[in-house]
Structures are given as C-alpha cells and as structure tokens.
Amino acid sequence: MVKTLLKKQFAEIFRSYFYDTKKNRARSKAGTIAYIVLFVLLMAGMLGGTFGAMAFSLCSPLVEAGAGWLYFALMGAIAILLGLFGSVFSTYTGLYLAKDNDLLLSMPIPTGAIMLARLLGVYLMGLMYSAVVIVPAVVVYLITVPFSGAALLGCLVLILLLSVFVLTLSCLLGWVVAKISVKLKNKSMVTVLIALAFIALYYFCYFKAMNLIRELIANIAVYGPAIREKACGIYLFGSVGEGNWIGMAVCTAAVALIFGLMWKLLGRTFLSLATATGAAEKVKYTARREKQRSAASALLRKEFGRLSSSANYMLNCALSTLLLPILAAVLLVKGPAVVEALSSVFGGIGGAVTVLFATALCMAATMNDTAAPSVSLEGKNIWIPQSLPVEPWIVLRSKVLVQLILTLPGLLLAIVCCLLVLRPATAEAVPLAVLPLCFAVFFALLGVTLDLKRANLKWTNELAPIKQSFPVTVVLLGGWFLAAALAGVYLLLAPPFGAAAYLWCFAALMAAGSLALYLWLRRKGGTVFMEL
C-alpha cells in the first residue's frame, strides 16, 4: 500500500515533466528531457554554483586554520535555512490540505501510510533545496583535503542528517500553522502573515550570518577555540562532515529523537487536522440591500476572492505587492549611495546609471505573476465562468486586471522615488517612468496568454499550477532575463544615440508586444478559453 501511495505522490510532484495536460497525453522524450535539463540548470547551475563559490572561498582558509568543523557548521546552517525556506510553504498544504485527503481517508488505508507518503513529498522538497548548498560544500571539501573514508562517510551522513532535520522543522512549523488555522476564520491570511514573518526572519538571519562569517574568517584564531569550548553542539554538528565518529553518533541520535517526537505528534493530530473544517463564525442574519454590480466588476471581485482565499497563491504570485513599497523606501534611504557607487563603476558610459535603475524597476514590475496560473486555477470548475452570460474576454480581462491592480500602485511609487533620487534630465525621466509600466502590462497579458495555451485543469494540489507550471516559469524567468538584457546590451554596446532613445526603443517593443497580446486575447483568446 505504501509503495502505491508513494508512486502516486511522486507522479503528482513530477507530473508536469512527463504529462502534457493541454494535449491530454504523455510528453515526448525530447520534451521531458528538456524540462528536466532546464530544472537541473536552474537548481544546480544557478543556486548550486552560487553556494559552490561561497564554499570555495570559505573552505581553504578554515581547513588550514584547523577549523574544518566550523566550515561544515556554517554551510550546514545555510543549508537548513534554505531547505526550510524552500519547503515550508508547501508543508501545510501538502500534509493537511491536499485535495484528495478526504478520498484517501475514506478508504481502508492506514493513516500512517498516508502520512508517510505525504512526508516523503515534503522531504523531497527540503532535500532539493538543502542539497544545492551542502552538496557543493561537500564536493569542495573533498577536493581540498586529502581523501579519507571517514571524511567521505561523514559528508554523506551530514547530507542525510540535514535533510531529515529540515523535514522535521518544516513539519513542526506546518503543524503550528495548522493548529492556529483551525481556530481562525481566515486561514489564508494567517498563513501569509506567518510566512512573511518567516521570510523577514530568514533574510535577517542571512545578512547577519554573512557579517558573522566575515568576522569569523578574519579572526578564526580567536573565535574558533572559543566556539568549540562554549558551543559544543555546534562543534559536534560541524565535525560530522570531517568524519568524527562521536559527532556522527551524537548528531544522528539527536536528529532521530526529534524526528521520532515529530512523527508521534503528527500521528496523534494528523487525522483531526486533515479533516478539520475550521472555526465557523455564527452570524445573525440581517436583511440588507445589495448593490448591483456590472459583470466586469463581479468577475474582478471573484478573482480577488480567489487570490485572498489561497495562501499559496498570495505568497508565490503576489508577494511583490509588499516588496515594491519596500523597494521605494530603500531607494529613498540608500539610493544616493547606490547612484554614487554605480557612477564610479560605469561613469564612462553615458546614461548607464539610468539604464541600470530602469532594469531594477523592470525586474520589480515582473515579480508579480498572478495572471500566469489564473486560468489553470479554475480547475474542474472552469465550466462556471464558461457558462456565464458574458463575453469570454471579460473573464480573461479580470485576470489581467488583478495583476495590474496589485503591481501598478507600488511600481508607480518606486518610479517616483527613483526619479527623486536619480534626478535625470526630462529626456531620460519620461522613458524611465514609461518602460517599467509597459513591462508590467506586457507580462500580465503574457501570463494569461501562456496559461490559455498551456492550461492545467486536472491538478490535485494547487501548487502544481502556482509553482510548477510552464507559464509561471516563463513569465518569471523571462521577465528577469529580458530586464537583464536591457542593461547588458547597453553596457556592452554603449549605443551612441544615448540612454533616452534606448529606453524608448525598449518601451516601444514592450508596447507593441502588449498590443499584439491584447488583440489576440480579444479575438482568439475567448475561443480558446471556451474550448478548454
């Protein structure tokens, strides 16, 4: 039974790589390979390469100073933070809110088997994110030090212990969120607030850790022995990677103990939390006159209701709504220093600083992507908007407008702050303000268009269209790539016609693309939507 459940769980996780839901058939081998290669390049190439470079800079000085254990303690702590950050958002949904929980629990299947299958899905996510930190660290260490069997075994044990520890922490945090959520009416907002607090704590710890690492390396002869004496637990944890048998035994026993306690806790509460309907507020009926709304207004309200009802949707696709005002504040506080630094580096290229600021604004404009999974999130209920007595374009327009309403106010604030800090000439100020707005409109329209062409309406977990879909990947990475190309091309070519004309060219390109997508959605998009 467990084998069957595991097969089902992994099939759900990797379904988009092997099955084309739009054409209702398995992908070709070439398509599957392309998807897997792209994923590997993103995870191993970008993230793994970044942490590999960090490990390379830390390993030699720490090992030469006799503090290899400190090297593994630092890299292991970063791996735990990243693994927890990558898996915690899907833990609550994957364990307690899976769409087929009721179906599985109604069958003669042991609760422990269902829990095990769910936990392995969470474990896989945590392992994937923690491995992009600790695996490069292990490879760099084994290349740097003379080979020994104990060190190799210690590194393997460390990878396993980190993955299990991340799983334990993710499950405990998911359990806390579940216990709080069943007591409150608006579960999604509670989950979002907890996640935002966790994100803030993560980045606070990250920046503090970077400063601490620099301080440790500079004063390793002083701090190394002090940490080893006063923080024995950190020393034992780091010594696992060096092949210390005592460290391996103690850390393995500790991780096994807390995992056992977590499993016992989940075993006692899983059934009640997975079947809980949450607190229901008793409302006294009061007759009142409801204001009549237009079809467009009602559909827009429905889209916002869908967004606010899903913590995963808000966290993964609308987080930039909060980040854009933060960017505006940062521009006002740190902007002059950034302008001075960029001018000292790129001062020889006229208008380079203006183009770089435009690049930052364009990247920020594309970080909201609520439109990209909006059609797929209709799921099996897509017949409802299809049967409404309104033009299909009105339905699609509401999905575009949600993203624009969430993005444009914060983006305009960031643009104003950018202009106040940079104070460019009028010729550069106008395209600097127009280009990010064109970016925002283009990628909102592109998200709906791609989701119409590659809609996934047969998902069992909403994370599939929100985090694992082709439209979301293209919109996010495409926005960053195009914004990076904006700066890269200018810095490489240094066109003689100046930054203002260059920005106008990009703005015109985005405007033309937006017009083409708009016309396609008006003329053909409705037909495609009705045939889904």
Protein backbone atom coordinates (compact mmCIF):
# COMPACT_ATOMS: atom_id res chain seq x y z
CA MET A 1 0.00 0.00 0.00
CA VAL A 2 2.79 2.43 0.91
CA LYS A 3 4.51 1.70 -2.41
CA THR A 4 1.33 2.57 -4.32
CA LEU A 5 0.86 5.79 -2.36
CA LEU A 6 4.47 6.77 -2.92
CA LYS A 7 4.13 6.16 -6.63
CA LYS A 8 1.03 8.35 -6.68
CA GLN A 9 2.76 11.07 -4.63
CA PHE A 10 5.81 11.23 -6.90
CA ALA A 11 3.61 11.11 -10.00
CA GLU A 12 1.82 14.24 -8.72
CA ILE A 13 5.06 16.06 -7.94
CA PHE A 14 6.71 15.37 -11.30
CA ARG A 15 3.55 15.15 -13.40
CA SER A 16 4.23 18.32 -15.40
CA TYR A 17 7.57 16.91 -16.61
CA PHE A 18 6.07 13.77 -18.14
CA TYR A 19 2.47 14.67 -19.00
CA ASP A 20 1.06 17.44 -21.18
CA THR A 21 -2.31 18.33 -19.66
CA LYS A 22 -3.17 20.63 -22.56
CA LYS A 23 -2.96 17.81 -25.12
CA ASN A 24 -4.02 15.15 -22.60
CA ARG A 25 -1.12 12.86 -23.42
CA ALA A 26 2.38 11.97 -22.30
CA ARG A 27 5.16 14.31 -23.36
CA SER A 28 7.70 13.22 -25.91
CA LYS A 29 11.06 12.03 -24.62
CA ALA A 30 12.69 15.16 -26.01
CA GLY A 31 10.18 17.39 -24.20
CA THR A 32 10.62 15.53 -20.92
CA ILE A 33 14.41 15.72 -21.18
CA ALA A 34 14.24 19.44 -21.99
CA TYR A 35 12.09 20.14 -18.93
CA ILE A 36 14.38 18.14 -16.65
CA VAL A 37 17.55 19.74 -18.07
CA LEU A 38 16.08 23.22 -17.59
CA PHE A 39 15.19 22.42 -13.99
CA VAL A 40 18.64 20.99 -13.28
CA LEU A 41 20.31 24.06 -14.80
CA LEU A 42 18.26 26.38 -12.63
CA MET A 43 18.80 24.48 -9.40
CA ALA A 44 22.30 23.05 -9.82
CA GLY A 45 23.67 25.70 -12.16
CA MET A 46 22.41 28.94 -10.63
CA LEU A 47 21.81 28.14 -6.96
CA GLY A 48 24.38 25.35 -6.70
CA GLY A 49 27.00 27.44 -8.47
CA THR A 50 26.39 30.40 -6.15
CA PHE A 51 26.80 28.34 -2.98
CA GLY A 52 29.69 26.42 -4.53
CA ALA A 53 31.56 29.70 -4.99
CA MET A 54 30.83 30.57 -1.36
CA ALA A 55 32.10 27.17 -0.22
CA PHE A 56 35.26 27.57 -2.30
CA SER A 57 36.03 30.90 -0.62
CA LEU A 58 35.47 29.50 2.89
CA CYS A 59 36.93 26.01 2.74
CA SER A 60 40.67 26.56 2.31
CA PRO A 61 41.20 29.24 4.99
CA LEU A 62 39.10 27.41 7.57
CA VAL A 63 40.66 23.99 6.90
CA GLU A 64 44.17 25.45 7.00
CA ALA A 65 43.32 27.04 10.35
CA GLY A 66 42.21 23.63 11.69
CA ALA A 67 38.54 24.66 11.73
CA GLY A 68 37.04 22.35 9.13
CA TRP A 69 34.24 21.68 11.58
CA LEU A 70 33.38 25.40 11.51
CA TYR A 71 33.21 25.28 7.70
CA PHE A 72 30.60 22.50 7.84
CA ALA A 73 28.73 24.23 10.66
CA LEU A 74 28.40 27.43 8.60
CA MET A 75 27.43 25.73 5.35
CA GLY A 76 25.10 23.36 7.20
CA ALA A 77 23.30 26.28 8.86
CA ILE A 78 22.79 27.94 5.48
CA ALA A 79 21.53 24.62 4.05
CA ILE A 80 18.99 24.32 6.89
CA LEU A 81 17.74 27.87 6.33
CA LEU A 82 17.39 27.43 2.57
CA GLY A 83 15.83 23.97 2.89
CA LEU A 84 13.31 25.24 5.41
CA PHE A 85 12.58 28.30 3.27
CA GLY A 86 12.02 26.16 0.17
CA SER A 87 9.79 23.52 1.72
CA VAL A 88 7.90 25.24 4.49
CA PHE A 89 5.35 26.92 2.20
CA SER A 90 4.21 23.59 0.79
CA THR A 91 4.25 21.66 4.08
CA TYR A 92 0.90 22.83 5.45
CA THR A 93 -0.84 22.37 2.10
CA GLY A 94 0.88 19.10 1.26
CA LEU A 95 0.17 17.48 4.63
CA TYR A 96 -3.19 18.84 5.71
CA LEU A 97 -4.87 20.49 2.72
CA ALA A 98 -4.17 18.01 -0.10
CA LYS A 99 -7.18 17.83 -2.38
CA ASP A 100 -7.50 14.05 -2.12
CA ASN A 101 -7.20 13.76 1.68
CA ASP A 102 -10.89 13.01 2.15
CA LEU A 103 -10.81 10.38 -0.59
CA LEU A 104 -7.79 8.57 0.84
CA LEU A 105 -9.06 8.75 4.41
CA SER A 106 -12.37 7.21 3.33
CA MET A 107 -10.52 4.13 2.03
CA PRO A 108 -9.26 1.23 4.15
CA ILE A 109 -5.75 2.70 4.19
CA PRO A 110 -3.77 3.07 7.42
CA THR A 111 -3.32 6.69 8.45
CA GLY A 112 0.39 6.05 8.92
CA ALA A 113 0.75 5.05 5.27
CA ILE A 114 -0.91 8.27 4.11
CA MET A 115 1.30 10.30 6.45
CA LEU A 116 4.43 8.57 5.18
CA ALA A 117 3.58 9.30 1.56
CA ARG A 118 2.84 12.95 2.36
CA LEU A 119 6.02 13.33 4.39
CA LEU A 120 8.18 11.94 1.62
CA GLY A 121 6.86 14.65 -0.69
CA VAL A 122 7.82 17.29 1.88
CA TYR A 123 11.17 15.54 2.41
CA LEU A 124 11.94 15.66 -1.30
CA MET A 125 11.36 19.43 -1.45
CA GLY A 126 13.54 20.06 1.61
CA LEU A 127 16.28 17.77 0.31
CA MET A 128 16.29 19.51 -3.06
CA TYR A 129 16.83 22.95 -1.54
CA SER A 130 19.28 21.93 1.19
CA ALA A 131 21.29 19.84 -1.27
CA VAL A 132 22.08 22.84 -3.51
CA VAL A 133 24.03 24.22 -0.53
CA ILE A 134 25.54 21.23 1.21
CA VAL A 135 26.42 19.08 -1.82
CA PRO A 136 28.70 21.77 -3.38
CA ALA A 137 30.17 22.32 0.09
CA VAL A 138 30.94 18.60 0.40
CA VAL A 139 32.47 18.42 -3.09
CA VAL A 140 34.71 21.43 -2.41
CA TYR A 141 35.82 19.95 0.92
CA LEU A 142 36.65 16.52 -0.52
CA ILE A 143 38.68 18.18 -3.27
CA THR A 144 40.52 20.44 -0.82
CA VAL A 145 41.53 17.90 1.87
CA PRO A 146 43.34 14.56 1.41
CA PHE A 147 40.87 11.76 0.76
CA SER A 148 39.81 9.53 3.64
CA GLY A 149 36.99 7.04 4.06
CA ALA A 150 35.91 8.61 7.35
CA ALA A 151 35.54 12.05 5.76
CA LEU A 152 33.51 10.64 2.86
CA LEU A 153 31.23 8.77 5.25
CA GLY A 154 30.88 11.84 7.45
CA CYS A 155 29.87 14.00 4.48
CA LEU A 156 27.22 11.50 3.41
CA VAL A 157 25.87 11.27 6.96
CA LEU A 158 25.79 15.07 7.18
CA ILE A 159 23.70 15.35 4.00
CA LEU A 160 21.23 12.78 5.34
CA LEU A 161 21.00 14.38 8.79
CA LEU A 162 20.44 17.84 7.32
CA SER A 163 17.62 16.62 5.06
CA VAL A 164 15.86 14.84 7.94
CA PHE A 165 16.31 17.84 10.24
CA VAL A 166 14.83 20.17 7.60
CA LEU A 167 11.89 17.79 7.21
CA THR A 168 11.33 17.82 10.97
CA LEU A 169 11.41 21.60 11.26
CA SER A 170 9.13 22.02 8.22
CA CYS A 171 6.58 19.61 9.67
CA LEU A 172 6.66 21.24 13.07
CA LEU A 173 6.08 24.67 11.55
CA GLY A 174 3.30 23.25 9.36
CA TRP A 175 1.72 21.72 12.47
CA VAL A 176 1.82 25.09 14.26
CA VAL A 177 0.19 26.82 11.28
CA ALA A 178 -2.47 24.10 11.11
CA LYS A 179 -3.28 24.39 14.82
CA ILE A 180 -3.65 28.15 14.52
CA SER A 181 -5.61 28.00 11.27
CA VAL A 182 -8.37 25.71 12.54
CA LYS A 183 -9.09 28.26 15.28
CA LEU A 184 -9.49 31.18 12.93
CA LYS A 185 -11.85 32.07 10.14
CA ASN A 186 -9.40 33.43 7.57
CA LYS A 187 -6.77 30.71 7.38
CA SER A 188 -5.07 32.09 4.27
CA MET A 189 -4.23 35.45 5.80
CA VAL A 190 -2.84 33.79 8.93
CA THR A 191 -0.64 31.55 6.80
CA VAL A 192 0.55 34.53 4.76
CA LEU A 193 1.39 36.57 7.85
CA ILE A 194 3.32 33.69 9.41
CA ALA A 195 5.16 33.08 6.14
CA LEU A 196 6.02 36.78 5.76
CA ALA A 197 7.35 36.83 9.31
CA PHE A 198 9.42 33.77 8.49
CA ILE A 199 10.76 35.38 5.29
CA ALA A 200 11.74 38.52 7.21
CA LEU A 201 13.46 36.38 9.84
CA TYR A 202 15.22 34.36 7.13
CA TYR A 203 16.74 37.40 5.45
CA PHE A 204 17.61 38.98 8.79
CA CYS A 205 19.48 35.82 9.76
CA TYR A 206 21.05 35.58 6.31
CA PHE A 207 22.56 39.07 6.36
CA LYS A 208 23.63 38.67 9.97
CA ALA A 209 25.21 35.34 9.05
CA MET A 210 27.20 36.92 6.21
CA ASN A 211 28.62 39.52 8.57
CA LEU A 212 29.37 36.82 11.13
CA ILE A 213 31.14 34.67 8.54
CA ARG A 214 33.39 37.56 7.51
CA GLU A 215 34.18 38.29 11.14
CA LEU A 216 34.93 34.62 11.86
CA ILE A 217 37.30 34.25 8.93
CA ALA A 218 39.15 37.43 9.86
CA ASN A 219 39.56 36.28 13.49
CA ILE A 220 39.44 32.49 13.21
CA ALA A 221 42.37 32.01 15.62
CA VAL A 222 40.42 33.77 18.37
CA TYR A 223 36.83 32.70 17.72
CA GLY A 224 37.44 29.08 16.65
CA PRO A 225 38.62 27.70 20.02
CA ALA A 226 36.04 29.82 21.89
CA ILE A 227 33.13 28.39 19.87
CA ARG A 228 34.49 24.86 20.25
CA GLU A 229 34.66 25.20 24.04
CA LYS A 230 31.47 27.16 24.76
CA ALA A 231 29.20 25.78 21.99
CA CYS A 232 29.94 22.07 21.99
CA GLY A 233 26.80 21.31 20.00
CA ILE A 234 27.95 23.45 17.06
CA TYR A 235 31.34 21.74 17.12
CA LEU A 236 29.82 18.25 17.14
CA PHE A 237 27.47 19.19 14.28
CA GLY A 238 30.31 20.54 12.14
CA SER A 239 32.64 17.67 13.00
CA VAL A 240 30.22 15.21 11.34
CA GLY A 241 31.45 16.38 7.93
CA GLU A 242 35.07 15.77 8.97
CA GLY A 243 34.26 12.16 9.84
CA ASN A 244 34.29 12.49 13.62
CA TRP A 245 32.69 9.29 14.94
CA ILE A 246 31.50 10.86 18.18
CA GLY A 247 29.92 13.76 16.30
CA MET A 248 28.19 11.38 13.90
CA ALA A 249 26.80 9.26 16.73
CA VAL A 250 25.58 12.18 18.86
CA CYS A 251 24.01 14.13 15.97
CA THR A 252 22.37 11.03 14.50
CA ALA A 253 20.81 10.19 17.87
CA ALA A 254 19.62 13.79 18.34
CA VAL A 255 18.04 14.05 14.89
CA ALA A 256 16.44 10.61 15.25
CA LEU A 257 14.97 11.65 18.61
CA ILE A 258 13.38 14.89 17.40
CA PHE A 259 12.12 13.16 14.23
CA GLY A 260 10.54 10.44 16.35
CA LEU A 261 8.84 13.06 18.53
CA MET A 262 7.59 14.86 15.43
CA TRP A 263 6.23 11.62 13.95
CA LYS A 264 4.43 10.83 17.20
CA LEU A 265 2.96 14.35 17.29
CA LEU A 266 1.73 14.10 13.70
CA GLY A 267 0.33 10.64 14.32
CA ARG A 268 -1.85 12.00 17.13
CA THR A 269 -3.04 15.13 15.33
CA PHE A 270 -2.93 14.37 11.58
CA LEU A 271 -6.42 12.92 11.31
CA SER A 272 -8.12 15.71 13.25
CA LEU A 273 -6.26 18.49 11.42
CA ALA A 274 -6.64 16.97 7.95
CA THR A 275 -10.41 16.67 8.40
CA ALA A 276 -10.95 19.92 10.33
CA THR A 277 -13.27 22.45 8.74
CA GLY A 278 -12.05 25.32 10.89
CA ALA A 279 -13.88 27.72 13.11
CA ALA A 280 -17.28 28.82 11.88
CA GLU A 281 -18.43 32.24 12.96
CA LYS A 282 -22.07 32.47 14.00
CA VAL A 283 -23.60 35.35 12.11
CA LYS A 284 -27.00 36.76 12.81
CA TYR A 285 -28.93 37.30 9.60
CA THR A 286 -29.64 40.93 8.80
CA ALA A 287 -31.57 41.88 5.70
CA ARG A 288 -29.83 44.47 3.56
CA ARG A 289 -29.91 45.75 0.02
CA GLU A 290 -27.01 44.51 -2.10
CA LYS A 291 -25.55 46.99 -4.53
CA GLN A 292 -25.93 45.96 -8.15
CA ARG A 293 -22.62 45.33 -9.90
CA SER A 294 -21.62 45.06 -13.50
CA ALA A 295 -20.43 41.73 -14.87
CA ALA A 296 -16.87 43.05 -15.12
CA SER A 297 -16.90 44.27 -11.50
CA ALA A 298 -18.35 40.98 -10.23
CA LEU A 299 -15.72 38.94 -12.08
CA LEU A 300 -12.92 41.15 -10.78
CA ARG A 301 -14.25 40.72 -7.24
CA LYS A 302 -14.37 36.96 -7.79
CA GLU A 303 -10.71 36.91 -8.91
CA PHE A 304 -9.61 38.84 -5.83
CA GLY A 305 -11.64 36.45 -3.69
CA ARG A 306 -9.81 33.51 -5.26
CA LEU A 307 -6.48 35.18 -4.53
CA SER A 308 -7.28 36.04 -0.90
CA SER A 309 -8.57 32.53 -0.22
CA SER A 310 -5.25 30.87 -1.05
CA ALA A 311 -2.10 31.48 0.98
CA ASN A 312 -0.01 29.68 -1.64
CA TYR A 313 -1.37 31.90 -4.39
CA MET A 314 -0.67 35.10 -2.45
CA LEU A 315 2.81 34.10 -1.29
CA ASN A 316 4.08 32.79 -4.60
CA CYS A 317 2.41 35.14 -7.06
CA ALA A 318 1.62 38.42 -5.28
CA LEU A 319 4.45 38.91 -2.80
CA SER A 320 5.90 41.78 -4.83
CA THR A 321 2.85 43.84 -3.85
CA LEU A 322 4.58 44.28 -0.50
CA LEU A 323 8.13 44.32 -1.87
CA LEU A 324 7.56 47.25 -4.24
CA PRO A 325 6.82 49.78 -1.44
CA ILE A 326 9.85 48.40 0.41
CA LEU A 327 11.93 48.99 -2.74
CA ALA A 328 10.64 52.56 -2.86
CA ALA A 329 11.69 53.13 0.75
CA VAL A 330 15.11 51.59 0.13
CA LEU A 331 15.60 53.88 -2.89
CA LEU A 332 14.96 56.93 -0.75
CA VAL A 333 17.33 55.79 2.00
CA LYS A 334 20.12 54.02 0.08
CA GLY A 335 19.55 55.49 -3.38
CA PRO A 336 22.20 58.26 -3.25
CA ALA A 337 24.87 55.80 -2.15
CA VAL A 338 23.86 53.38 -4.92
CA VAL A 339 23.97 56.17 -7.53
CA GLU A 340 27.45 57.16 -6.35
CA ALA A 341 28.72 53.57 -6.47
CA LEU A 342 27.27 52.90 -9.93
CA SER A 343 28.63 56.21 -11.25
CA SER A 344 32.13 55.31 -10.10
CA VAL A 345 31.97 51.98 -11.93
CA PHE A 346 30.01 52.88 -15.08
CA GLY A 347 30.67 56.61 -15.24
CA GLY A 348 32.44 56.23 -18.57
CA ILE A 349 29.23 55.06 -20.27
CA GLY A 350 26.77 57.91 -20.63
CA GLY A 351 23.32 57.16 -19.21
CA ALA A 352 24.40 53.78 -17.78
CA VAL A 353 23.11 54.58 -14.30
CA THR A 354 19.68 55.50 -15.71
CA VAL A 355 19.51 52.22 -17.65
CA LEU A 356 20.52 50.22 -14.57
CA PHE A 357 17.79 51.85 -12.49
CA ALA A 358 15.31 51.13 -15.28
CA THR A 359 16.47 47.49 -15.20
CA ALA A 360 15.81 47.24 -11.46
CA LEU A 361 12.32 48.72 -11.89
CA CYS A 362 11.52 46.34 -14.76
CA MET A 363 12.60 43.34 -12.70
CA ALA A 364 10.40 44.52 -9.86
CA ALA A 365 7.49 45.02 -12.29
CA THR A 366 7.59 41.37 -13.39
CA MET A 367 7.79 39.75 -9.95
CA ASN A 368 4.01 39.66 -9.50
CA ASP A 369 2.62 36.85 -11.68
CA THR A 370 -0.95 36.23 -10.53
CA ALA A 371 -2.12 36.12 -14.16
CA ALA A 372 0.14 33.22 -15.16
CA PRO A 373 -1.70 30.45 -13.24
CA SER A 374 -5.11 32.18 -13.15
CA VAL A 375 -6.78 30.10 -15.88
CA SER A 376 -5.39 26.80 -14.59
CA LEU A 377 -6.58 27.58 -11.07
CA GLU A 378 -10.17 27.36 -12.31
CA GLY A 379 -9.54 23.61 -12.37
CA LYS A 380 -12.57 21.38 -12.80
CA ASN A 381 -14.85 24.35 -12.09
CA ILE A 382 -13.90 26.11 -15.30
CA TRP A 383 -17.37 25.32 -16.63
CA ILE A 384 -18.74 28.00 -14.29
CA PRO A 385 -17.09 31.03 -15.97
CA GLN A 386 -17.58 29.34 -19.34
CA SER A 387 -21.34 29.17 -18.75
CA LEU A 388 -21.74 32.79 -17.60
CA PRO A 389 -23.70 35.11 -19.93
CA VAL A 390 -20.68 37.36 -20.53
CA GLU A 391 -18.05 37.60 -23.24
CA PRO A 392 -15.07 35.33 -22.54
CA TRP A 393 -12.82 38.35 -22.96
CA ILE A 394 -14.40 39.92 -19.85
CA VAL A 395 -13.38 36.84 -17.84
CA LEU A 396 -9.83 36.98 -19.18
CA ARG A 397 -9.59 40.73 -18.66
CA SER A 398 -10.43 40.35 -14.97
CA LYS A 399 -7.45 38.01 -14.57
CA VAL A 400 -5.15 40.56 -16.20
CA LEU A 401 -6.53 43.44 -14.13
CA VAL A 402 -5.87 41.67 -10.82
CA GLN A 403 -2.15 41.56 -11.56
CA LEU A 404 -2.09 45.17 -12.76
CA ILE A 405 -4.02 46.43 -9.74
CA LEU A 406 -1.62 44.64 -7.41
CA THR A 407 1.50 45.83 -9.26
CA LEU A 408 0.99 49.33 -10.66
CA PRO A 409 0.45 51.35 -7.43
CA GLY A 410 3.63 50.07 -5.79
CA LEU A 411 5.52 50.33 -9.07
CA LEU A 412 4.46 53.96 -9.54
CA LEU A 413 5.65 54.72 -6.01
CA ALA A 414 9.02 53.10 -6.76
CA ILE A 415 9.29 55.06 -10.01
CA VAL A 416 8.64 58.36 -8.23
CA CYS A 417 11.26 57.55 -5.59
CA CYS A 418 13.71 56.57 -8.32
CA LEU A 419 13.20 59.90 -10.11
CA LEU A 420 13.64 61.82 -6.86
CA VAL A 421 16.94 60.07 -6.15
CA LEU A 422 18.36 59.94 -9.67
CA ARG A 423 17.05 63.35 -10.86
CA PRO A 424 17.63 62.61 -14.57
CA ALA A 425 17.02 65.05 -17.38
CA THR A 426 13.46 65.17 -18.71
CA ALA A 427 14.50 63.32 -21.85
CA GLU A 428 15.57 60.32 -19.74
CA ALA A 429 12.99 60.69 -16.96
CA VAL A 430 9.97 60.07 -19.18
CA PRO A 431 11.12 56.74 -20.72
CA LEU A 432 12.49 55.70 -17.31
CA ALA A 433 8.93 56.01 -15.98
CA VAL A 434 7.15 54.58 -19.03
CA LEU A 435 9.28 51.46 -19.62
CA PRO A 436 8.55 49.65 -16.29
CA LEU A 437 4.82 50.29 -16.77
CA CYS A 438 5.00 48.74 -20.25
CA PHE A 439 6.85 45.77 -18.73
CA ALA A 440 4.10 45.27 -16.16
CA VAL A 441 1.32 45.37 -18.76
CA PHE A 442 3.15 43.08 -21.19
CA PHE A 443 3.84 40.32 -18.65
CA ALA A 444 0.32 40.45 -17.24
CA LEU A 445 -1.07 39.85 -20.73
CA LEU A 446 1.62 37.27 -21.47
CA GLY A 447 0.77 35.31 -18.31
CA VAL A 448 -2.89 34.88 -19.28
CA THR A 449 -1.97 34.07 -22.90
CA LEU A 450 0.51 31.35 -21.94
CA ASP A 451 -1.88 29.86 -19.40
CA LEU A 452 -4.59 29.66 -22.04
CA LYS A 453 -2.24 27.78 -24.34
CA ARG A 454 -0.81 25.51 -21.62
CA ALA A 455 -3.67 25.27 -19.12
CA ASN A 456 -3.51 22.55 -16.45
CA LEU A 457 -7.06 21.91 -15.24
CA LYS A 458 -6.51 18.44 -13.75
CA TRP A 459 -4.30 19.27 -10.78
CA THR A 460 -4.83 17.65 -7.37
CA ASN A 461 -2.78 20.25 -5.49
CA GLU A 462 -2.96 23.95 -6.33
CA LEU A 463 0.83 24.19 -6.00
CA ALA A 464 1.08 22.49 -9.41
CA PRO A 465 -0.25 25.46 -11.44
CA ILE A 466 1.14 28.03 -9.00
CA LYS A 467 4.76 26.82 -8.71
CA GLN A 468 5.38 24.10 -11.28
CA SER A 469 3.62 25.31 -14.42
CA PHE A 470 5.25 26.33 -17.70
CA PRO A 471 3.54 29.79 -17.83
CA VAL A 472 4.77 30.77 -14.36
CA THR A 473 8.33 29.67 -15.19
CA VAL A 474 8.39 31.56 -18.47
CA VAL A 475 6.90 34.75 -17.02
CA LEU A 476 9.26 34.87 -14.03
CA LEU A 477 12.48 33.86 -15.75
CA GLY A 478 11.54 35.66 -18.96
CA GLY A 479 10.96 38.90 -17.07
CA TRP A 480 14.28 38.68 -15.29
CA PHE A 481 16.14 37.68 -18.45
CA LEU A 482 14.63 40.47 -20.55
CA ALA A 483 15.33 43.05 -17.84
CA ALA A 484 18.92 41.80 -17.53
CA ALA A 485 19.27 42.00 -21.31
CA LEU A 486 18.12 45.63 -21.13
CA ALA A 487 21.17 46.53 -19.06
CA GLY A 488 23.58 44.02 -20.59
CA VAL A 489 23.11 45.13 -24.19
CA TYR A 490 23.51 48.80 -23.29
CA LEU A 491 26.65 48.27 -21.22
CA LEU A 492 28.24 46.08 -23.90
CA LEU A 493 27.37 48.18 -26.95
CA ALA A 494 27.20 51.68 -25.40
CA PRO A 495 24.99 52.94 -28.29
CA PRO A 496 25.84 56.46 -29.45
CA PHE A 497 22.18 57.60 -29.51
CA GLY A 498 22.06 57.69 -25.69
CA ALA A 499 20.02 56.21 -22.86
CA ALA A 500 16.78 58.08 -23.60
CA ALA A 501 16.43 56.73 -27.14
CA TYR A 502 17.50 53.27 -25.98
CA LEU A 503 14.83 53.16 -23.27
CA TRP A 504 12.21 54.43 -25.72
CA CYS A 505 13.11 51.58 -28.10
CA PHE A 506 12.56 49.00 -25.36
CA ALA A 507 9.35 50.73 -24.28
CA ALA A 508 8.07 50.68 -27.85
CA LEU A 509 8.94 46.98 -28.11
CA MET A 510 7.01 46.21 -24.91
CA ALA A 511 4.08 48.35 -26.02
CA ALA A 512 3.92 46.61 -29.40
CA GLY A 513 4.07 43.21 -27.70
CA SER A 514 1.31 44.24 -25.29
CA LEU A 515 -0.90 45.39 -28.18
CA ALA A 516 -0.34 42.11 -30.05
CA LEU A 517 -1.23 40.04 -26.96
CA TYR A 518 -4.27 42.21 -26.24
CA LEU A 519 -5.61 41.81 -29.77
CA TRP A 520 -5.06 38.04 -29.67
CA LEU A 521 -6.88 37.73 -26.35
CA ARG A 522 -9.78 39.85 -27.65
CA ARG A 523 -10.13 37.98 -30.94
CA LYS A 524 -8.99 34.40 -30.32
CA GLY A 525 -8.38 34.07 -26.60
CA GLY A 526 -12.09 33.79 -25.82
CA THR A 527 -12.50 30.92 -28.26
CA VAL A 528 -9.55 29.07 -26.73
CA PHE A 529 -10.96 29.66 -23.24
CA MET A 530 -14.39 28.28 -24.15
CA GLU A 531 -12.81 25.13 -25.63
CA LEU A 532 -10.73 24.24 -22.54
